[in-house]
Structures are given as structure tokens and as C-alpha cells.
Amino acid sequence: MIRIDAIWLVTAMGMRAGTKTALARVIAVLGVAKPHCAYLFANRCANGMKVLVHDGVGV
């Protein structure tokens, strides 16, 4: 089971971007990827989402 303490909505991002690019965007916007947090990315048309979950060990 994955524990999620907070959900963050990050800036719009293309859905072709991978995990490393999404994590780099989180660090650029928020400064750090906090453990036990989920980061939501919406595409530019706002009809799709990608979720990145950081569990304290990895993504």
C-alpha cells in the first residue's frame, strides 16, 4: 500500500514526458520532491492527467 499525505497540482506538461522529466519539473517548481506526496500533471488541453507518486525511496 502506498501512503499519500498530500496531492500537488503542478504546471501543465506534455504527456509524452517520462518520469525523470516529470520529477525535474516538480523540483523546478516546488524546490524538492517531498516523500509520500502525489504530483498531478494535466496536459495543455486539460483532458488528460499523469500522476507521479514519490514514496520516500523512489518514484
N, C-alpha and C. Protein backbone atom coordinates (compact mmCIF):
# COMPACT_ATOMS: atom_id res chain seq x y z
N MET A 1 0.83 -1.16 0.00
CA MET A 1 0.00 0.00 0.00
C MET A 1 0.89 1.25 0.00
N ILE A 2 0.53 2.20 -0.81
CA ILE A 2 1.29 3.45 -0.91
C ILE A 2 0.57 4.51 -0.08
N ARG A 3 1.31 5.14 0.82
CA ARG A 3 0.75 6.20 1.65
C ARG A 3 0.92 7.53 0.94
N ILE A 4 -0.16 8.29 0.82
CA ILE A 4 -0.11 9.61 0.21
C ILE A 4 -0.66 10.61 1.22
N ASP A 5 0.21 11.54 1.62
CA ASP A 5 -0.17 12.56 2.60
C ASP A 5 -0.70 13.83 1.95
N ALA A 6 -0.22 14.14 0.75
CA ALA A 6 -0.63 15.38 0.08
C ALA A 6 -0.65 15.16 -1.42
N ILE A 7 -1.51 15.91 -2.08
CA ILE A 7 -1.59 15.88 -3.55
C ILE A 7 -1.33 17.29 -4.05
N TRP A 8 -0.38 17.42 -4.96
CA TRP A 8 0.01 18.72 -5.51
C TRP A 8 -0.34 18.76 -6.98
N LEU A 9 -0.89 19.87 -7.44
CA LEU A 9 -1.15 20.09 -8.85
C LEU A 9 -0.01 20.94 -9.39
N VAL A 10 0.76 20.35 -10.31
CA VAL A 10 1.93 21.02 -10.86
C VAL A 10 1.53 21.62 -12.22
N THR A 11 2.39 22.40 -12.82
CA THR A 11 2.09 23.08 -14.07
C THR A 11 1.79 22.10 -15.20
N ALA A 12 1.19 22.61 -16.26
CA ALA A 12 0.85 21.80 -17.44
C ALA A 12 2.12 21.23 -18.06
N MET A 13 1.99 20.00 -18.57
CA MET A 13 3.14 19.30 -19.14
C MET A 13 2.65 18.37 -20.24
N GLY A 14 3.47 18.18 -21.27
CA GLY A 14 3.14 17.24 -22.33
C GLY A 14 3.11 15.81 -21.80
N MET A 15 2.18 15.02 -22.25
CA MET A 15 2.02 13.66 -21.73
C MET A 15 3.08 12.69 -22.26
N ARG A 16 3.88 13.10 -23.22
CA ARG A 16 4.96 12.24 -23.72
C ARG A 16 6.18 12.26 -22.81
N ALA A 17 6.22 13.19 -21.88
CA ALA A 17 7.36 13.30 -20.96
C ALA A 17 7.38 12.09 -20.03
N GLY A 18 8.58 11.64 -19.70
CA GLY A 18 8.74 10.48 -18.84
C GLY A 18 8.83 10.86 -17.37
N THR A 19 9.17 9.86 -16.57
CA THR A 19 9.24 10.03 -15.13
C THR A 19 10.32 11.01 -14.71
N LYS A 20 11.48 10.92 -15.34
CA LYS A 20 12.60 11.82 -14.97
C LYS A 20 12.26 13.27 -15.30
N THR A 21 11.61 13.50 -16.43
CA THR A 21 11.23 14.86 -16.80
C THR A 21 10.18 15.40 -15.85
N ALA A 22 9.21 14.57 -15.47
CA ALA A 22 8.18 15.00 -14.53
C ALA A 22 8.78 15.32 -13.17
N LEU A 23 9.71 14.49 -12.70
CA LEU A 23 10.37 14.74 -11.42
C LEU A 23 11.20 16.02 -11.48
N ALA A 24 11.86 16.27 -12.59
CA ALA A 24 12.62 17.51 -12.76
C ALA A 24 11.70 18.72 -12.73
N ARG A 25 10.50 18.59 -13.29
CA ARG A 25 9.53 19.70 -13.26
C ARG A 25 9.07 19.96 -11.83
N VAL A 26 8.84 18.90 -11.06
CA VAL A 26 8.44 19.05 -9.65
C VAL A 26 9.51 19.80 -8.88
N ILE A 27 10.76 19.40 -9.07
CA ILE A 27 11.87 20.03 -8.35
C ILE A 27 12.04 21.48 -8.79
N ALA A 28 11.83 21.76 -10.08
CA ALA A 28 11.97 23.13 -10.58
C ALA A 28 10.87 24.04 -10.02
N VAL A 29 9.66 23.52 -9.89
CA VAL A 29 8.53 24.35 -9.44
C VAL A 29 8.49 24.44 -7.91
N LEU A 30 8.62 23.31 -7.23
CA LEU A 30 8.45 23.29 -5.77
C LEU A 30 9.76 23.30 -4.98
N GLY A 31 10.87 23.04 -5.63
CA GLY A 31 12.16 23.06 -4.96
C GLY A 31 12.63 21.70 -4.49
N VAL A 32 11.70 20.81 -4.14
CA VAL A 32 12.06 19.48 -3.66
C VAL A 32 10.86 18.55 -3.87
N ALA A 33 11.14 17.28 -4.09
CA ALA A 33 10.08 16.28 -4.17
C ALA A 33 9.91 15.67 -2.79
N LYS A 34 8.84 15.99 -2.12
CA LYS A 34 8.61 15.53 -0.76
C LYS A 34 8.14 14.08 -0.75
N PRO A 35 8.59 13.28 0.22
CA PRO A 35 8.13 11.89 0.29
C PRO A 35 6.65 11.81 0.66
N HIS A 36 6.01 10.75 0.21
CA HIS A 36 4.59 10.47 0.48
C HIS A 36 3.68 11.55 -0.08
N CYS A 37 4.05 12.07 -1.25
CA CYS A 37 3.22 13.06 -1.94
C CYS A 37 2.95 12.58 -3.36
N ALA A 38 1.79 12.94 -3.87
CA ALA A 38 1.44 12.67 -5.26
C ALA A 38 1.43 13.99 -6.00
N TYR A 39 1.95 13.98 -7.22
CA TYR A 39 2.01 15.17 -8.04
C TYR A 39 1.19 14.92 -9.30
N LEU A 40 0.19 15.78 -9.55
CA LEU A 40 -0.68 15.65 -10.70
C LEU A 40 -0.24 16.60 -11.79
N PHE A 41 -0.18 16.10 -13.00
CA PHE A 41 0.15 16.90 -14.17
C PHE A 41 -1.02 16.80 -15.13
N ALA A 42 -1.51 17.93 -15.60
CA ALA A 42 -2.56 17.95 -16.61
C ALA A 42 -1.92 18.33 -17.95
N ASN A 43 -2.48 17.80 -19.03
CA ASN A 43 -1.96 18.20 -20.33
C ASN A 43 -2.51 19.58 -20.69
N ARG A 44 -2.01 20.15 -21.76
CA ARG A 44 -2.37 21.51 -22.12
C ARG A 44 -3.86 21.68 -22.45
N CYS A 45 -4.49 20.66 -23.00
CA CYS A 45 -5.92 20.72 -23.33
C CYS A 45 -6.80 20.42 -22.12
N ALA A 46 -6.21 20.03 -21.01
CA ALA A 46 -6.92 19.71 -19.77
C ALA A 46 -7.90 18.55 -19.93
N ASN A 47 -7.54 17.57 -20.78
CA ASN A 47 -8.39 16.39 -20.92
C ASN A 47 -7.64 15.10 -20.57
N GLY A 48 -6.47 15.23 -19.99
CA GLY A 48 -5.70 14.07 -19.56
C GLY A 48 -4.83 14.42 -18.37
N MET A 49 -4.50 13.40 -17.56
CA MET A 49 -3.67 13.63 -16.38
C MET A 49 -2.62 12.54 -16.25
N LYS A 50 -1.53 12.88 -15.59
CA LYS A 50 -0.48 11.94 -15.25
C LYS A 50 -0.20 12.13 -13.76
N VAL A 51 -0.03 11.04 -13.04
CA VAL A 51 0.22 11.11 -11.60
C VAL A 51 1.59 10.54 -11.30
N LEU A 52 2.38 11.28 -10.54
CA LEU A 52 3.70 10.87 -10.10
C LEU A 52 3.65 10.75 -8.58
N VAL A 53 3.98 9.58 -8.04
CA VAL A 53 3.94 9.35 -6.59
C VAL A 53 5.36 9.12 -6.10
N HIS A 54 5.79 9.91 -5.13
CA HIS A 54 7.11 9.77 -4.51
C HIS A 54 6.90 9.14 -3.15
N ASP A 55 7.44 7.93 -2.93
CA ASP A 55 7.18 7.21 -1.69
C ASP A 55 8.29 7.32 -0.66
N GLY A 56 9.24 8.19 -0.87
CA GLY A 56 10.33 8.37 0.08
C GLY A 56 11.59 7.64 -0.34
N VAL A 57 11.45 6.62 -1.18
CA VAL A 57 12.60 5.85 -1.68
C VAL A 57 12.84 6.14 -3.15
N GLY A 58 11.78 6.21 -3.90
CA GLY A 58 11.84 6.44 -5.34
C GLY A 58 10.50 6.87 -5.87
N VAL A 59 10.46 6.95 -7.18
CA VAL A 59 9.23 7.42 -7.84
C VAL A 59 8.49 6.23 -8.38
